[in-house]
PDB file of all heavy atoms in Angstrom:
ATOM      1  N   GLN A   1      67.321  94.819 156.672  1.00  0.00           N
ATOM      2  CA  GLN A   1      66.541  93.688 157.218  1.00  0.00           C
ATOM      3  C   GLN A   1      66.926  93.473 158.655  1.00  0.00           C
ATOM      4  O   GLN A   1      68.094  93.533 159.018  1.00  0.00           O
ATOM      5  CB  GLN A   1      66.837  92.437 156.444  1.00  0.00           C
ATOM      6  CG  GLN A   1      66.393  92.402 154.950  1.00  0.00           C
ATOM      7  CD  GLN A   1      66.814  91.142 154.203  1.00  0.00           C
ATOM      8  OE1 GLN A   1      67.951  91.009 153.878  1.00  0.00           O
ATOM      9  NE2 GLN A   1      65.860  90.228 154.083  1.00  0.00           N
ATOM     10  N   LEU A   2      65.944  93.288 159.506  1.00  0.00           N
ATOM     11  CA  LEU A   2      66.156  93.153 160.944  1.00  0.00           C
ATOM     12  C   LEU A   2      65.670  91.806 161.460  1.00  0.00           C
ATOM     13  O   LEU A   2      64.640  91.318 160.926  1.00  0.00           O
ATOM     14  CB  LEU A   2      65.377  94.302 161.674  1.00  0.00           C
ATOM     15  CG  LEU A   2      65.809  95.705 161.434  1.00  0.00           C
ATOM     16  CD1 LEU A   2      64.868  96.651 162.110  1.00  0.00           C
ATOM     17  CD2 LEU A   2      67.232  95.924 161.970  1.00  0.00           C
ATOM     18  N   MET A   3      66.404  91.272 162.380  1.00  0.00           N
ATOM     19  CA  MET A   3      66.025  89.975 162.975  1.00  0.00           C
ATOM     20  C   MET A   3      66.496  90.055 164.459  1.00  0.00           C
ATOM     21  O   MET A   3      67.503  90.656 164.782  1.00  0.00           O
ATOM     22  CB  MET A   3      66.881  88.835 162.265  1.00  0.00           C
ATOM     23  CG  MET A   3      66.482  87.435 162.693  1.00  0.00           C
ATOM     24  SD  MET A   3      67.494  86.136 161.969  1.00  0.00           S
ATOM     25  CE  MET A   3      67.365  86.398 160.203  1.00  0.00           C
ATOM     26  N   THR A   4      65.678  89.446 165.348  1.00  0.00           N
ATOM     27  CA  THR A   4      66.041  89.478 166.742  1.00  0.00           C
ATOM     28  C   THR A   4      67.394  88.781 166.897  1.00  0.00           C
ATOM     29  O   THR A   4      67.702  87.824 166.166  1.00  0.00           O
ATOM     30  CB  THR A   4      64.969  88.823 167.586  1.00  0.00           C
ATOM     31  OG1 THR A   4      64.742  87.462 167.098  1.00  0.00           O
ATOM     32  CG2 THR A   4      63.687  89.592 167.579  1.00  0.00           C
ATOM     33  N   ASP A   5      68.157  89.203 167.880  1.00  0.00           N
ATOM     34  CA  ASP A   5      69.477  88.661 168.149  1.00  0.00           C
ATOM     35  C   ASP A   5      69.345  87.279 168.723  1.00  0.00           C
ATOM     36  O   ASP A   5      68.723  87.088 169.800  1.00  0.00           O
ATOM     37  CB  ASP A   5      70.196  89.596 169.125  1.00  0.00           C
ATOM     38  CG  ASP A   5      71.704  89.211 169.273  1.00  0.00           C
ATOM     39  OD1 ASP A   5      72.193  88.372 168.414  1.00  0.00           O
ATOM     40  OD2 ASP A   5      72.378  89.739 170.163  1.00  0.00           O
ATOM     41  N   GLY A   6      69.899  86.277 168.069  1.00  0.00           N
ATOM     42  CA  GLY A   6      69.854  84.931 168.522  1.00  0.00           C
ATOM     43  C   GLY A   6      70.165  83.917 167.415  1.00  0.00           C
ATOM     44  O   GLY A   6      70.466  84.336 166.272  1.00  0.00           O
ATOM     45  N   GLU A   7      70.091  82.633 167.702  1.00  0.00           N
ATOM     46  CA  GLU A   7      70.522  81.584 166.756  1.00  0.00           C
ATOM     47  C   GLU A   7      69.408  81.241 165.826  1.00  0.00           C
ATOM     48  O   GLU A   7      69.643  80.705 164.719  1.00  0.00           O
ATOM     49  CB  GLU A   7      70.946  80.353 167.508  1.00  0.00           C
ATOM     50  CG  GLU A   7      72.162  80.567 168.425  1.00  0.00           C
ATOM     51  CD  GLU A   7      72.669  79.285 169.023  1.00  0.00           C
ATOM     52  OE1 GLU A   7      72.295  78.229 168.548  1.00  0.00           O
ATOM     53  OE2 GLU A   7      73.457  79.386 169.978  1.00  0.00           O
ATOM     54  N   HIS A   8      68.152  81.464 166.085  1.00  0.00           N
ATOM     55  CA  HIS A   8      67.032  81.216 165.252  1.00  0.00           C
ATOM     56  C   HIS A   8      67.008  79.735 164.705  1.00  0.00           C
ATOM     57  O   HIS A   8      67.147  79.533 163.507  1.00  0.00           O
ATOM     58  CB  HIS A   8      66.972  82.213 164.096  1.00  0.00           C
ATOM     59  CG  HIS A   8      66.536  83.591 164.569  1.00  0.00           C
ATOM     60  ND1 HIS A   8      65.222  83.976 164.611  1.00  0.00           N
ATOM     61  CD2 HIS A   8      67.288  84.619 165.053  1.00  0.00           C
ATOM     62  CE1 HIS A   8      65.192  85.230 165.083  1.00  0.00           C
ATOM     63  NE2 HIS A   8      66.433  85.660 165.311  1.00  0.00           N
ATOM     64  N   PRO A   9      66.810  78.797 165.585  1.00  0.00           N
ATOM     65  CA  PRO A   9      66.776  77.409 165.175  1.00  0.00           C
ATOM     66  C   PRO A   9      65.693  77.044 164.234  1.00  0.00           C
ATOM     67  O   PRO A   9      65.703  76.000 163.559  1.00  0.00           O
ATOM     68  CB  PRO A   9      66.677  76.648 166.502  1.00  0.00           C
ATOM     69  CG  PRO A   9      66.103  77.567 167.458  1.00  0.00           C
ATOM     70  CD  PRO A   9      66.586  78.935 167.037  1.00  0.00           C
ATOM     71  N   GLU A  10      64.633  77.911 164.186  1.00  0.00           N
ATOM     72  CA  GLU A  10      63.536  77.644 163.259  1.00  0.00           C
ATOM     73  C   GLU A  10      63.894  77.834 161.780  1.00  0.00           C
ATOM     74  O   GLU A  10      63.235  77.320 160.848  1.00  0.00           O
ATOM     75  CB  GLU A  10      62.388  78.585 163.579  1.00  0.00           C
ATOM     76  CG  GLU A  10      62.462  80.024 163.107  1.00  0.00           C
ATOM     77  CD  GLU A  10      63.327  80.926 164.032  1.00  0.00           C
ATOM     78  OE1 GLU A  10      63.938  80.389 164.984  1.00  0.00           O
ATOM     79  OE2 GLU A  10      63.430  82.106 163.734  1.00  0.00           O
ATOM     80  N   LEU A  11      65.061  78.510 161.488  1.00  0.00           N
ATOM     81  CA  LEU A  11      65.520  78.707 160.111  1.00  0.00           C
ATOM     82  C   LEU A  11      66.365  77.529 159.718  1.00  0.00           C
ATOM     83  O   LEU A  11      67.005  76.854 160.567  1.00  0.00           O
ATOM     84  CB  LEU A  11      66.273  79.950 160.039  1.00  0.00           C
ATOM     85  CG  LEU A  11      65.566  81.277 160.344  1.00  0.00           C
ATOM     86  CD1 LEU A  11      66.547  82.478 160.328  1.00  0.00           C
ATOM     87  CD2 LEU A  11      64.458  81.535 159.394  1.00  0.00           C
ATOM     88  N   ASP A  12      66.418  77.220 158.382  1.00  0.00           N
ATOM     89  CA  ASP A  12      67.261  76.148 157.929  1.00  0.00           C
ATOM     90  C   ASP A  12      68.643  76.604 157.574  1.00  0.00           C
ATOM     91  O   ASP A  12      69.427  75.937 156.926  1.00  0.00           O
ATOM     92  CB  ASP A  12      66.627  75.478 156.725  1.00  0.00           C
ATOM     93  CG  ASP A  12      66.427  76.293 155.546  1.00  0.00           C
ATOM     94  OD1 ASP A  12      66.882  77.483 155.583  1.00  0.00           O
ATOM     95  OD2 ASP A  12      65.833  75.897 154.552  1.00  0.00           O
ATOM     96  N   PHE A  13      69.040  77.807 158.016  1.00  0.00           N
ATOM     97  CA  PHE A  13      70.369  78.391 157.868  1.00  0.00           C
ATOM     98  C   PHE A  13      70.707  79.170 159.105  1.00  0.00           C
ATOM     99  O   PHE A  13      69.820  79.628 159.819  1.00  0.00           O
ATOM    100  CB  PHE A  13      70.561  79.207 156.539  1.00  0.00           C
ATOM    101  CG  PHE A  13      69.673  80.418 156.594  1.00  0.00           C
ATOM    102  CD1 PHE A  13      70.176  81.665 156.981  1.00  0.00           C
ATOM    103  CD2 PHE A  13      68.344  80.401 156.207  1.00  0.00           C
ATOM    104  CE1 PHE A  13      69.425  82.793 157.013  1.00  0.00           C
ATOM    105  CE2 PHE A  13      67.544  81.558 156.157  1.00  0.00           C
ATOM    106  CZ  PHE A  13      68.107  82.768 156.548  1.00  0.00           C
ATOM    107  N   ASP A  14      71.982  79.427 159.272  1.00  0.00           N
ATOM    108  CA  ASP A  14      72.391  80.295 160.335  1.00  0.00           C
ATOM    109  C   ASP A  14      72.359  81.749 159.863  1.00  0.00           C
ATOM    110  O   ASP A  14      72.955  82.099 158.842  1.00  0.00           O
ATOM    111  CB  ASP A  14      73.851  79.944 160.767  1.00  0.00           C
ATOM    112  CG  ASP A  14      74.327  80.595 162.010  1.00  0.00           C
ATOM    113  OD1 ASP A  14      74.068  81.822 162.206  1.00  0.00           O
ATOM    114  OD2 ASP A  14      74.943  79.989 162.885  1.00  0.00           O
ATOM    115  N   PRO A  15      71.665  82.646 160.571  1.00  0.00           N
ATOM    116  CA  PRO A  15      71.551  84.037 160.088  1.00  0.00           C
ATOM    117  C   PRO A  15      72.875  84.803 160.027  1.00  0.00           C
ATOM    118  O   PRO A  15      72.915  85.859 159.395  1.00  0.00           O
ATOM    119  CB  PRO A  15      70.602  84.698 161.136  1.00  0.00           C
ATOM    120  CG  PRO A  15      70.654  83.839 162.329  1.00  0.00           C
ATOM    121  CD  PRO A  15      70.896  82.419 161.796  1.00  0.00           C
ATOM    122  N   LEU A  16      73.983  84.207 160.653  1.00  0.00           N
ATOM    123  CA  LEU A  16      75.192  84.876 160.529  1.00  0.00           C
ATOM    124  C   LEU A  16      76.062  84.391 159.335  1.00  0.00           C
ATOM    125  O   LEU A  16      77.157  84.888 159.103  1.00  0.00           O
ATOM    126  CB  LEU A  16      76.036  84.619 161.850  1.00  0.00           C
ATOM    127  CG  LEU A  16      75.431  85.088 163.164  1.00  0.00           C
ATOM    128  CD1 LEU A  16      76.404  84.821 164.315  1.00  0.00           C
ATOM    129  CD2 LEU A  16      75.025  86.517 163.123  1.00  0.00           C
ATOM    130  N   ASP A  17      75.529  83.486 158.560  1.00  0.00           N
ATOM    131  CA  ASP A  17      76.258  82.887 157.468  1.00  0.00           C
ATOM    132  C   ASP A  17      76.206  83.795 156.237  1.00  0.00           C
ATOM    133  O   ASP A  17      75.130  84.017 155.650  1.00  0.00           O
ATOM    134  CB  ASP A  17      75.535  81.531 157.102  1.00  0.00           C
ATOM    135  CG  ASP A  17      76.298  80.788 155.976  1.00  0.00           C
ATOM    136  OD1 ASP A  17      77.173  81.324 155.363  1.00  0.00           O
ATOM    137  OD2 ASP A  17      75.943  79.608 155.805  1.00  0.00           O
ATOM    138  N   PRO A  18      77.384  84.338 155.844  1.00  0.00           N
ATOM    139  CA  PRO A  18      77.413  85.327 154.728  1.00  0.00           C
ATOM    140  C   PRO A  18      77.154  84.677 153.341  1.00  0.00           C
ATOM    141  O   PRO A  18      77.092  85.397 152.332  1.00  0.00           O
ATOM    142  CB  PRO A  18      78.792  85.937 154.778  1.00  0.00           C
ATOM    143  CG  PRO A  18      79.636  84.883 155.415  1.00  0.00           C
ATOM    144  CD  PRO A  18      78.716  84.156 156.390  1.00  0.00           C
ATOM    145  N   THR A  19      77.028  83.340 153.274  1.00  0.00           N
ATOM    146  CA  THR A  19      76.699  82.704 151.973  1.00  0.00           C
ATOM    147  C   THR A  19      75.177  82.614 151.828  1.00  0.00           C
ATOM    148  O   THR A  19      74.697  82.038 150.804  1.00  0.00           O
ATOM    149  CB  THR A  19      77.326  81.266 151.846  1.00  0.00           C
ATOM    150  OG1 THR A  19      76.662  80.391 152.754  1.00  0.00           O
ATOM    151  CG2 THR A  19      78.801  81.345 152.178  1.00  0.00           C
ATOM    152  N   LYS A  20      74.437  83.153 152.708  1.00  0.00           N
ATOM    153  CA  LYS A  20      72.917  83.009 152.666  1.00  0.00           C
ATOM    154  C   LYS A  20      72.222  84.386 152.553  1.00  0.00           C
ATOM    155  O   LYS A  20      72.742  85.404 153.099  1.00  0.00           O
ATOM    156  CB  LYS A  20      72.437  82.353 153.913  1.00  0.00           C
ATOM    157  CG  LYS A  20      73.024  80.921 154.184  1.00  0.00           C
ATOM    158  CD  LYS A  20      72.629  79.982 153.102  1.00  0.00           C
ATOM    159  CE  LYS A  20      73.039  78.546 153.484  1.00  0.00           C
ATOM    160  NZ  LYS A  20      74.545  78.358 153.395  1.00  0.00           N
ATOM    161  N   LEU A  21      71.108  84.410 151.878  1.00  0.00           N
ATOM    162  CA  LEU A  21      70.190  85.504 151.850  1.00  0.00           C
ATOM    163  C   LEU A  21      69.181  85.297 153.012  1.00  0.00           C
ATOM    164  O   LEU A  21      68.769  84.193 153.298  1.00  0.00           O
ATOM    165  CB  LEU A  21      69.431  85.573 150.530  1.00  0.00           C
ATOM    166  CG  LEU A  21      70.262  85.803 149.275  1.00  0.00           C
ATOM    167  CD1 LEU A  21      69.420  85.561 148.047  1.00  0.00           C
ATOM    168  CD2 LEU A  21      70.834  87.200 149.266  1.00  0.00           C
ATOM    169  N   TRP A  22      68.744  86.438 153.572  1.00  0.00           N
ATOM    170  CA  TRP A  22      67.592  86.394 154.508  1.00  0.00           C
ATOM    171  C   TRP A  22      66.342  86.517 153.615  1.00  0.00           C
ATOM    172  O   TRP A  22      66.193  87.499 152.908  1.00  0.00           O
ATOM    173  CB  TRP A  22      67.655  87.518 155.496  1.00  0.00           C
ATOM    174  CG  TRP A  22      68.688  87.423 156.541  1.00  0.00           C
ATOM    175  CD1 TRP A  22      69.614  86.468 156.688  1.00  0.00           C
ATOM    176  CD2 TRP A  22      68.869  88.311 157.660  1.00  0.00           C
ATOM    177  NE1 TRP A  22      70.438  86.751 157.744  1.00  0.00           N
ATOM    178  CE2 TRP A  22      69.990  87.886 158.392  1.00  0.00           C
ATOM    179  CE3 TRP A  22      68.214  89.448 158.037  1.00  0.00           C
ATOM    180  CZ2 TRP A  22      70.470  88.493 159.552  1.00  0.00           C
ATOM    181  CZ3 TRP A  22      68.661  90.118 159.222  1.00  0.00           C
ATOM    182  CH2 TRP A  22      69.775  89.646 159.912  1.00  0.00           C
ATOM    183  N   PRO A  23      65.421  85.544 153.648  1.00  0.00           N
ATOM    184  CA  PRO A  23      64.214  85.636 152.793  1.00  0.00           C
ATOM    185  C   PRO A  23      63.446  86.975 153.055  1.00  0.00           C
ATOM    186  O   PRO A  23      63.047  87.206 154.186  1.00  0.00           O
ATOM    187  CB  PRO A  23      63.358  84.439 153.220  1.00  0.00           C
ATOM    188  CG  PRO A  23      64.385  83.501 153.815  1.00  0.00           C
ATOM    189  CD  PRO A  23      65.392  84.362 154.469  1.00  0.00           C
ATOM    190  N   PRO A  24      63.218  87.811 152.064  1.00  0.00           N
ATOM    191  CA  PRO A  24      62.558  89.057 152.241  1.00  0.00           C
ATOM    192  C   PRO A  24      61.125  88.926 152.672  1.00  0.00           C
ATOM    193  O   PRO A  24      60.544  89.838 153.327  1.00  0.00           O
ATOM    194  CB  PRO A  24      62.692  89.791 150.914  1.00  0.00           C
ATOM    195  CG  PRO A  24      63.076  88.762 149.920  1.00  0.00           C
ATOM    196  CD  PRO A  24      63.755  87.635 150.671  1.00  0.00           C
ATOM    197  N   GLU A  25      60.468  87.819 152.368  1.00  0.00           N
ATOM    198  CA  GLU A  25      59.101  87.624 152.807  1.00  0.00           C
ATOM    199  C   GLU A  25      58.996  87.406 154.268  1.00  0.00           C
ATOM    200  O   GLU A  25      58.000  87.756 154.915  1.00  0.00           O
ATOM    201  CB  GLU A  25      58.453  86.494 152.055  1.00  0.00           C
ATOM    202  CG  GLU A  25      59.102  85.157 152.266  1.00  0.00           C
ATOM    203  CD  GLU A  25      60.232  84.810 151.305  1.00  0.00           C
ATOM    204  OE1 GLU A  25      60.657  85.779 150.607  1.00  0.00           O
ATOM    205  OE2 GLU A  25      60.686  83.664 151.251  1.00  0.00           O
ATOM    206  N   GLN A  26      60.105  86.916 154.917  1.00  0.00           N
ATOM    207  CA  GLN A  26      60.135  86.807 156.412  1.00  0.00           C
ATOM    208  C   GLN A  26      60.738  88.047 157.060  1.00  0.00           C
ATOM    209  O   GLN A  26      60.402  88.456 158.162  1.00  0.00           O
ATOM    210  CB  GLN A  26      60.891  85.549 156.789  1.00  0.00           C
ATOM    211  CG  GLN A  26      60.275  84.229 156.410  1.00  0.00           C
ATOM    212  CD  GLN A  26      61.212  83.052 156.815  1.00  0.00           C
ATOM    213  OE1 GLN A  26      61.925  82.556 155.940  1.00  0.00           O
ATOM    214  NE2 GLN A  26      61.196  82.681 157.984  1.00  0.00           N
ATOM    215  N   PHE A  27      61.753  88.603 156.343  1.00  0.00           N
ATOM    216  CA  PHE A  27      62.482  89.750 156.890  1.00  0.00           C
ATOM    217  C   PHE A  27      62.539  90.842 155.874  1.00  0.00           C
ATOM    218  O   PHE A  27      63.438  90.985 155.033  1.00  0.00           O
ATOM    219  CB  PHE A  27      63.930  89.324 157.274  1.00  0.00           C
ATOM    220  CG  PHE A  27      63.967  88.126 158.114  1.00  0.00           C
ATOM    221  CD1 PHE A  27      64.276  86.817 157.603  1.00  0.00           C
ATOM    222  CD2 PHE A  27      63.673  88.242 159.506  1.00  0.00           C
ATOM    223  CE1 PHE A  27      64.223  85.716 158.438  1.00  0.00           C
ATOM    224  CE2 PHE A  27      63.732  87.065 160.284  1.00  0.00           C
ATOM    225  CZ  PHE A  27      64.016  85.855 159.785  1.00  0.00           C
ATOM    226  N   PRO A  28      61.426  91.617 155.819  1.00  0.00           N
ATOM    227  CA  PRO A  28      61.271  92.642 154.733  1.00  0.00           C
ATOM    228  C   PRO A  28      62.302  93.696 154.728  1.00  0.00           C
ATOM    229  O   PRO A  28      62.951  94.054 155.769  1.00  0.00           O
ATOM    230  CB  PRO A  28      59.876  93.201 155.006  1.00  0.00           C
ATOM    231  CG  PRO A  28      59.610  92.913 156.456  1.00  0.00           C
ATOM    232  CD  PRO A  28      60.311  91.699 156.757  1.00  0.00           C
ATOM    233  N   PHE A  29      62.516  94.254 153.502  1.00  0.00           N
ATOM    234  CA  PHE A  29      63.410  95.399 153.392  1.00  0.00           C
ATOM    235  C   PHE A  29      62.729  96.655 153.949  1.00  0.00           C
ATOM    236  O   PHE A  29      61.690  97.011 153.399  1.00  0.00           O
ATOM    237  CB  PHE A  29      63.742  95.651 151.910  1.00  0.00           C
ATOM    238  CG  PHE A  29      64.781  94.710 151.331  1.00  0.00           C
ATOM    239  CD1 PHE A  29      64.852  93.357 151.727  1.00  0.00           C
ATOM    240  CD2 PHE A  29      65.764  95.158 150.434  1.00  0.00           C
ATOM    241  CE1 PHE A  29      65.770  92.487 151.232  1.00  0.00           C
ATOM    242  CE2 PHE A  29      66.777  94.222 149.906  1.00  0.00           C
ATOM    243  CZ  PHE A  29      66.744  92.945 150.295  1.00  0.00           C
ATOM    244  N   LEU A  30      63.325  97.263 154.886  1.00  0.00           N
ATOM    245  CA  LEU A  30      62.797  98.517 155.523  1.00  0.00           C
ATOM    246  C   LEU A  30      63.626  99.696 155.160  1.00  0.00           C
ATOM    247  O   LEU A  30      64.778  99.818 155.461  1.00  0.00           O
ATOM    248  CB  LEU A  30      62.829  98.325 157.110  1.00  0.00           C
ATOM    249  CG  LEU A  30      62.100  97.090 157.641  1.00  0.00           C
ATOM    250  CD1 LEU A  30      62.310  97.008 159.119  1.00  0.00           C
ATOM    251  CD2 LEU A  30      60.659  97.089 157.259  1.00  0.00           C
ATOM    252  N   PRO A  31      63.047 100.664 154.419  1.00  0.00           N
ATOM    253  CA  PRO A  31      63.830 101.864 153.987  1.00  0.00           C
ATOM    254  C   PRO A  31      64.167 102.708 155.234  1.00  0.00           C
ATOM    255  O   PRO A  31      63.335 102.955 156.094  1.00  0.00           O
ATOM    256  CB  PRO A  31      62.898 102.628 153.066  1.00  0.00           C
ATOM    257  CG  PRO A  31      61.839 101.600 152.717  1.00  0.00           C
ATOM    258  CD  PRO A  31      61.718 100.661 153.842  1.00  0.00           C
ATOM    259  N   ILE A  32      65.470 103.157 155.306  1.00  0.00           N
ATOM    260  CA  ILE A  32      65.900 104.058 156.378  1.00  0.00           C
ATOM    261  C   ILE A  32      66.517 105.331 155.883  1.00  0.00           C
ATOM    262  O   ILE A  32      66.817 106.210 156.727  1.00  0.00           O
ATOM    263  CB  ILE A  32      66.847 103.344 157.339  1.00  0.00           C
ATOM    264  CG1 ILE A  32      68.205 103.030 156.592  1.00  0.00           C
ATOM    265  CG2 ILE A  32      66.248 102.066 157.897  1.00  0.00           C
ATOM    266  CD1 ILE A  32      69.300 102.555 157.554  1.00  0.00           C
ATOM    267  N   GLY A  33      66.764 105.532 154.593  1.00  0.00           N
ATOM    268  CA  GLY A  33      67.330 106.724 154.124  1.00  0.00           C
ATOM    269  C   GLY A  33      67.688 106.666 152.667  1.00  0.00           C
ATOM    270  O   GLY A  33      67.530 105.633 152.003  1.00  0.00           O
ATOM    271  N   LYS A  34      68.092 107.816 152.107  1.00  0.00           N
ATOM    272  CA  LYS A  34      68.475 107.901 150.711  1.00  0.00           C
ATOM    273  C   LYS A  34      69.820 108.461 150.503  1.00  0.00           C
ATOM    274  O   LYS A  34      70.194 109.410 151.226  1.00  0.00           O
ATOM    275  CB  LYS A  34      67.413 108.806 149.976  1.00  0.00           C
ATOM    276  CG  LYS A  34      67.671 108.835 148.444  1.00  0.00           C
ATOM    277  CD  LYS A  34      66.607 109.642 147.776  1.00  0.00           C
ATOM    278  CE  LYS A  34      66.765 111.153 147.952  1.00  0.00           C
ATOM    279  NZ  LYS A  34      65.846 111.952 147.107  1.00  0.00           N
ATOM    280  N   MET A  35      70.662 107.881 149.637  1.00  0.00           N
ATOM    281  CA  MET A  35      71.965 108.383 149.383  1.00  0.00           C
ATOM    282  C   MET A  35      71.974 108.945 147.937  1.00  0.00           C
ATOM    283  O   MET A  35      71.571 108.258 146.965  1.00  0.00           O
ATOM    284  CB  MET A  35      73.016 107.265 149.491  1.00  0.00           C
ATOM    285  CG  MET A  35      74.453 107.748 149.202  1.00  0.00           C
ATOM    286  SD  MET A  35      75.641 106.435 149.517  1.00  0.00           S
ATOM    287  CE  MET A  35      75.435 105.336 148.099  1.00  0.00           C
ATOM    288  N   THR A  36      72.552 110.168 147.743  1.00  0.00           N
ATOM    289  CA  THR A  36      72.700 110.802 146.466  1.00  0.00           C
ATOM    290  C   THR A  36      74.152 111.150 146.250  1.00  0.00           C
ATOM    291  O   THR A  36      74.817 111.701 147.133  1.00  0.00           O
ATOM    292  CB  THR A  36      71.841 112.066 146.410  1.00  0.00           C
ATOM    293  OG1 THR A  36      70.498 111.756 146.706  1.00  0.00           O
ATOM    294  CG2 THR A  36      71.907 112.648 145.042  1.00  0.00           C
ATOM    295  N   LEU A  37      74.705 110.782 145.102  1.00  0.00           N
ATOM    296  CA  LEU A  37      76.115 111.143 144.779  1.00  0.00           C
ATOM    297  C   LEU A  37      76.021 112.332 143.828  1.00  0.00           C
ATOM    298  O   LEU A  37      75.403 112.281 142.757  1.00  0.00           O
ATOM    299  CB  LEU A  37      76.839 109.989 144.091  1.00  0.00           C
ATOM    300  CG  LEU A  37      77.000 108.709 144.985  1.00  0.00           C
ATOM    301  CD1 LEU A  37      77.834 107.648 144.286  1.00  0.00           C
ATOM    302  CD2 LEU A  37      77.585 109.104 146.318  1.00  0.00           C
ATOM    303  N   ASN A  38      76.640 113.469 144.254  1.00  0.00           N
ATOM    304  CA  ASN A  38      76.441 114.695 143.503  1.00  0.00           C
ATOM    305  C   ASN A  38      77.767 115.517 143.250  1.00  0.00           C
ATOM    306  O   ASN A  38      77.696 116.606 142.767  1.00  0.00           O
ATOM    307  CB  ASN A  38      75.510 115.651 144.248  1.00  0.00           C
ATOM    308  CG  ASN A  38      75.918 115.865 145.727  1.00  0.00           C
ATOM    309  OD1 ASN A  38      77.111 115.664 146.078  1.00  0.00           O
ATOM    310  ND2 ASN A  38      75.003 116.267 146.587  1.00  0.00           N
ATOM    311  N   ARG A  39      78.903 114.880 143.525  1.00  0.00           N
ATOM    312  CA  ARG A  39      80.144 115.654 143.318  1.00  0.00           C
ATOM    313  C   ARG A  39      81.281 114.637 142.970  1.00  0.00           C
ATOM    314  O   ARG A  39      81.521 113.696 143.731  1.00  0.00           O
ATOM    315  CB  ARG A  39      80.536 116.453 144.545  1.00  0.00           C
ATOM    316  CG  ARG A  39      81.816 117.272 144.384  1.00  0.00           C
ATOM    317  CD  ARG A  39      81.967 118.353 145.405  1.00  0.00           C
ATOM    318  NE  ARG A  39      82.027 117.837 146.789  1.00  0.00           N
ATOM    319  CZ  ARG A  39      83.184 117.471 147.362  1.00  0.00           C
ATOM    320  NH1 ARG A  39      84.336 117.572 146.701  1.00  0.00           N
ATOM    321  NH2 ARG A  39      83.207 116.978 148.631  1.00  0.00           N
TER     322      ARG A  39
END
């Protein structure tokens, strides 16, 4: 999930807060690769 660097006062939470989820409808999951465990 990507967000521009900043405080984002429009959100009702701080994007740096690890107790919070970023809403996927605002910040969609973008696939970047696949991991396979094979050994």
